[in-house]
Amino acid sequence: MDAALANRLGASVRATDPDRYFSALFAPAAMRPLLFALYAFNAEVARVAETVREPMLGAIRLEWWRETSEGAARGVPRNHDVARGLAALFATRTVRPEEFEALVAARAFDSSADHFADFAALENYLDATGGRLMRLAAEILGAAPEQAVLITRDAARAYGLAGLLRSLPFHNSRHKLYLPLDLLSALEMTPEQFFIWKRPMPALPPLSARAL
């Protein structure tokens, strides 16, 4: 990957995902551009739901990114910095294209009207999104797939839940529920009641406990 592309990807990740940007600085210098390509791709698919009002439009944009990752894996990237970064990643590291497709597929929930029935469903989503991203980063840095699962499992769950807690006000503002329905039921709250709750959120202690 040329230095100019690496710099642009790094700047994009720093603006959209500063946590992961700064974590990438701890990686060997040669690996950082590849991590930036991965994180820039994730940022694009993660924010699709923030840019659409209809699930169908979200599905169309996610399909564009799925096709983009597929083309990059075949060495024919689209004319887009993230696509070119992915092509460099696929060309230099052994990462599986189906993992990128699964990452895109998991993001369909974000622009849908679906809910999580219970904590198991929420944790499955976190594993399929942030957890998968963390495993891919570990593989880029040299971990075997089975090692990546072991070394990232607990950290991915904790980081995912912490991120969810941090972003609850934003998701509430767009009336998207990420809390499990069984938790709201135990609190005797409906999703609409939760969206307009002004006092300290009663759901936070149970979620915080899961993140520890």
Protein backbone atom coordinates (compact mmCIF):
# COMPACT_ATOMS: atom_id res chain seq x y z
CA MET A 1 0.00 0.00 0.00
CA ASP A 2 1.43 3.38 -0.93
CA ALA A 3 2.08 5.91 1.80
CA ALA A 4 -0.48 8.44 0.54
CA LEU A 5 -3.31 5.89 0.66
CA ALA A 6 -2.19 4.69 4.10
CA ASN A 7 -2.19 8.27 5.38
CA ARG A 8 -5.67 8.95 4.03
CA LEU A 9 -7.04 5.77 5.57
CA GLY A 10 -5.37 6.58 8.88
CA ALA A 11 -6.87 10.07 8.90
CA SER A 12 -10.30 8.65 8.12
CA VAL A 13 -10.11 6.12 10.95
CA ARG A 14 -8.84 8.76 13.36
CA ALA A 15 -11.90 10.89 12.56
CA THR A 16 -14.51 8.10 12.66
CA ASP A 17 -13.09 5.57 15.13
CA PRO A 18 -10.42 7.16 17.35
CA ASP A 19 -10.35 4.25 19.81
CA ARG A 20 -9.23 1.83 17.13
CA TYR A 21 -6.99 4.40 15.48
CA PHE A 22 -4.93 4.85 18.63
CA SER A 23 -4.91 1.11 19.34
CA ALA A 24 -3.42 0.55 15.86
CA LEU A 25 -0.48 2.78 16.76
CA PHE A 26 0.70 0.02 19.12
CA ALA A 27 1.00 -2.38 16.16
CA PRO A 28 4.20 -2.71 14.13
CA ALA A 29 4.49 0.18 11.68
CA ALA A 30 4.22 -2.12 8.65
CA MET A 31 0.89 -3.49 9.89
CA ARG A 32 -0.79 -0.19 10.67
CA PRO A 33 -1.97 0.63 7.12
CA LEU A 34 -3.62 -2.81 6.92
CA LEU A 35 -5.39 -2.23 10.22
CA PHE A 36 -6.49 1.19 9.01
CA ALA A 37 -7.98 -0.44 5.89
CA LEU A 38 -9.90 -2.90 8.06
CA TYR A 39 -11.13 -0.23 10.46
CA ALA A 40 -12.07 2.17 7.67
CA PHE A 41 -14.18 -0.57 6.08
CA ASN A 42 -15.85 -1.26 9.41
CA ALA A 43 -16.58 2.43 9.94
CA GLU A 44 -18.29 2.62 6.56
CA VAL A 45 -20.60 -0.33 7.15
CA ALA A 46 -21.25 0.64 10.79
CA ARG A 47 -22.54 4.09 9.85
CA VAL A 48 -24.85 2.96 7.05
CA ALA A 49 -27.81 2.93 9.44
CA GLU A 50 -27.09 6.53 10.44
CA THR A 51 -27.47 7.70 6.83
CA VAL A 52 -30.73 6.00 5.81
CA ARG A 53 -34.35 6.13 6.94
CA GLU A 54 -35.59 2.90 5.40
CA PRO A 55 -34.26 -0.64 5.95
CA MET A 56 -34.28 -1.24 2.18
CA LEU A 57 -31.93 1.68 1.60
CA GLY A 58 -29.67 0.32 4.31
CA ALA A 59 -29.70 -3.09 2.64
CA ILE A 60 -28.73 -1.52 -0.70
CA ARG A 61 -25.78 0.33 0.77
CA LEU A 62 -24.62 -2.72 2.71
CA GLU A 63 -24.78 -4.77 -0.47
CA TRP A 64 -22.56 -2.16 -2.15
CA TRP A 65 -19.98 -2.66 0.58
CA ARG A 66 -20.30 -6.44 0.40
CA GLU A 67 -19.59 -6.28 -3.33
CA THR A 68 -16.75 -3.85 -2.63
CA SER A 69 -15.05 -6.29 -0.27
CA GLU A 70 -15.63 -9.12 -2.74
CA GLY A 71 -14.02 -7.17 -5.56
CA ALA A 72 -11.07 -6.20 -3.37
CA ALA A 73 -10.53 -9.84 -2.44
CA ARG A 74 -10.38 -10.69 -6.17
CA GLY A 75 -7.85 -7.94 -6.78
CA VAL A 76 -10.23 -5.69 -8.70
CA PRO A 77 -11.05 -2.91 -6.22
CA ARG A 78 -13.50 -0.13 -6.88
CA ASN A 79 -12.25 3.43 -7.23
CA HIS A 80 -12.49 4.12 -3.50
CA ASP A 81 -9.76 4.46 -0.88
CA VAL A 82 -11.29 1.83 1.37
CA ALA A 83 -11.59 -0.61 -1.53
CA ARG A 84 -7.96 -0.05 -2.51
CA GLY A 85 -6.90 -0.49 1.10
CA LEU A 86 -8.81 -3.76 1.33
CA ALA A 87 -7.19 -4.98 -1.88
CA ALA A 88 -3.76 -4.36 -0.33
CA LEU A 89 -4.87 -6.18 2.79
CA PHE A 90 -6.11 -9.22 0.89
CA ALA A 91 -2.95 -9.25 -1.22
CA THR A 92 -0.57 -9.30 1.74
CA ARG A 93 -2.35 -11.14 4.56
CA THR A 94 -4.32 -14.37 4.73
CA VAL A 95 -7.76 -13.12 5.68
CA ARG A 96 -10.98 -14.75 4.57
CA PRO A 97 -13.34 -12.73 2.34
CA GLU A 98 -16.35 -14.45 3.94
CA GLU A 99 -15.48 -12.80 7.26
CA PHE A 100 -15.95 -9.39 5.65
CA GLU A 101 -19.22 -10.47 4.10
CA ALA A 102 -20.40 -11.72 7.51
CA LEU A 103 -19.43 -8.39 9.07
CA VAL A 104 -21.59 -6.59 6.53
CA ALA A 105 -24.49 -9.01 7.02
CA ALA A 106 -24.48 -8.51 10.79
CA ARG A 107 -24.95 -4.77 10.29
CA ALA A 108 -28.37 -5.29 8.70
CA PHE A 109 -29.78 -5.21 12.23
CA ASP A 110 -28.74 -1.57 12.64
CA SER A 111 -31.16 -0.20 10.07
CA SER A 112 -33.95 -2.69 10.73
CA ALA A 113 -36.90 -2.58 13.12
CA ASP A 114 -35.72 -5.81 14.78
CA HIS A 115 -35.06 -6.24 18.50
CA PHE A 116 -32.90 -8.51 20.61
CA ALA A 117 -35.05 -10.93 22.57
CA ASP A 118 -32.44 -11.53 25.29
CA PHE A 119 -28.83 -10.99 26.29
CA ALA A 120 -27.73 -14.01 24.27
CA ALA A 121 -29.01 -12.37 21.09
CA LEU A 122 -27.28 -9.10 21.98
CA GLU A 123 -24.00 -10.86 22.68
CA ASN A 124 -24.28 -12.75 19.39
CA TYR A 125 -24.61 -9.41 17.60
CA LEU A 126 -21.61 -7.97 19.44
CA ASP A 127 -19.60 -11.05 18.56
CA ALA A 128 -20.61 -10.83 14.90
CA THR A 129 -19.66 -7.14 14.63
CA GLY A 130 -17.02 -5.80 17.01
CA GLY A 131 -15.89 -9.27 18.02
CA ARG A 132 -15.33 -10.32 14.42
CA LEU A 133 -13.46 -7.09 13.77
CA MET A 134 -11.16 -7.73 16.73
CA ARG A 135 -10.49 -11.28 15.55
CA LEU A 136 -9.64 -10.05 12.06
CA ALA A 137 -7.22 -7.51 13.51
CA ALA A 138 -5.55 -10.26 15.53
CA GLU A 139 -5.23 -12.41 12.39
CA ILE A 140 -3.69 -9.49 10.48
CA LEU A 141 -1.12 -9.26 13.26
CA GLY A 142 -0.27 -12.93 12.92
CA ALA A 143 -2.64 -14.91 15.11
CA ALA A 144 -4.13 -18.11 13.76
CA PRO A 145 -7.95 -18.03 13.52
CA GLU A 146 -8.41 -20.30 16.55
CA GLN A 147 -5.92 -18.23 18.55
CA ALA A 148 -7.69 -15.03 17.57
CA VAL A 149 -10.93 -16.36 19.06
CA LEU A 150 -9.28 -17.20 22.38
CA ILE A 151 -7.30 -14.00 22.82
CA THR A 152 -10.09 -11.60 21.85
CA ARG A 153 -13.26 -13.23 23.24
CA ASP A 154 -13.50 -11.53 26.64
CA ALA A 155 -12.06 -8.22 25.46
CA ALA A 156 -14.46 -8.09 22.51
CA ARG A 157 -17.49 -8.65 24.74
CA ALA A 158 -16.39 -6.06 27.30
CA TYR A 159 -15.53 -3.46 24.65
CA GLY A 160 -18.75 -4.13 22.77
CA LEU A 161 -20.93 -3.68 25.84
CA ALA A 162 -19.01 -0.57 26.90
CA GLY A 163 -19.50 0.87 23.43
CA LEU A 164 -23.20 0.11 23.60
CA LEU A 165 -23.52 1.89 26.94
CA ARG A 166 -21.69 4.89 25.54
CA SER A 167 -23.88 5.09 22.45
CA LEU A 168 -27.30 4.52 24.04
CA PRO A 169 -28.29 8.22 24.00
CA PHE A 170 -27.47 8.44 20.28
CA HIS A 171 -29.42 5.29 19.43
CA ASN A 172 -32.32 6.50 21.56
CA SER A 173 -32.40 9.70 19.54
CA ARG A 174 -33.07 7.67 16.40
CA HIS A 175 -35.43 5.27 18.20
CA LYS A 176 -33.27 2.20 17.65
CA LEU A 177 -33.34 -0.26 20.54
CA TYR A 178 -30.20 -2.23 21.34
CA LEU A 179 -31.23 -3.36 24.81
CA PRO A 180 -32.70 -6.87 25.09
CA LEU A 181 -36.45 -7.01 25.42
CA ASP A 182 -36.23 -9.31 28.42
CA LEU A 183 -34.24 -6.64 30.28
CA LEU A 184 -36.85 -3.98 29.56
CA SER A 185 -39.58 -6.41 30.57
CA ALA A 186 -37.86 -6.99 33.92
CA LEU A 187 -37.76 -3.21 34.38
CA GLU A 188 -41.45 -3.00 33.41
CA MET A 189 -40.65 -0.66 30.54
CA THR A 190 -41.62 -0.61 26.89
CA PRO A 191 -39.14 0.50 24.22
CA GLU A 192 -41.02 3.78 23.78
CA GLN A 193 -40.84 4.45 27.52
CA PHE A 194 -37.12 3.78 27.45
CA PHE A 195 -36.58 6.18 24.54
CA ILE A 196 -38.05 9.09 26.52
CA TRP A 197 -36.54 8.18 29.91
CA LYS A 198 -34.86 11.30 31.32
CA ARG A 199 -33.52 10.06 34.64
CA PRO A 200 -30.43 7.80 34.99
CA MET A 201 -31.14 4.76 32.86
CA PRO A 202 -32.13 1.77 35.02
CA ALA A 203 -30.75 -0.60 32.40
CA LEU A 204 -27.17 0.57 32.92
CA PRO A 205 -26.24 -1.49 36.00
CA PRO A 206 -27.19 -4.85 34.40
CA LEU A 207 -25.28 -3.97 31.24
CA SER A 208 -22.27 -2.70 33.18
CA ALA A 209 -22.15 -5.93 35.17
CA ARG A 210 -22.05 -7.93 31.94
CA ALA A 211 -19.12 -5.87 30.69
CA LEU A 212 -16.99 -6.55 33.76
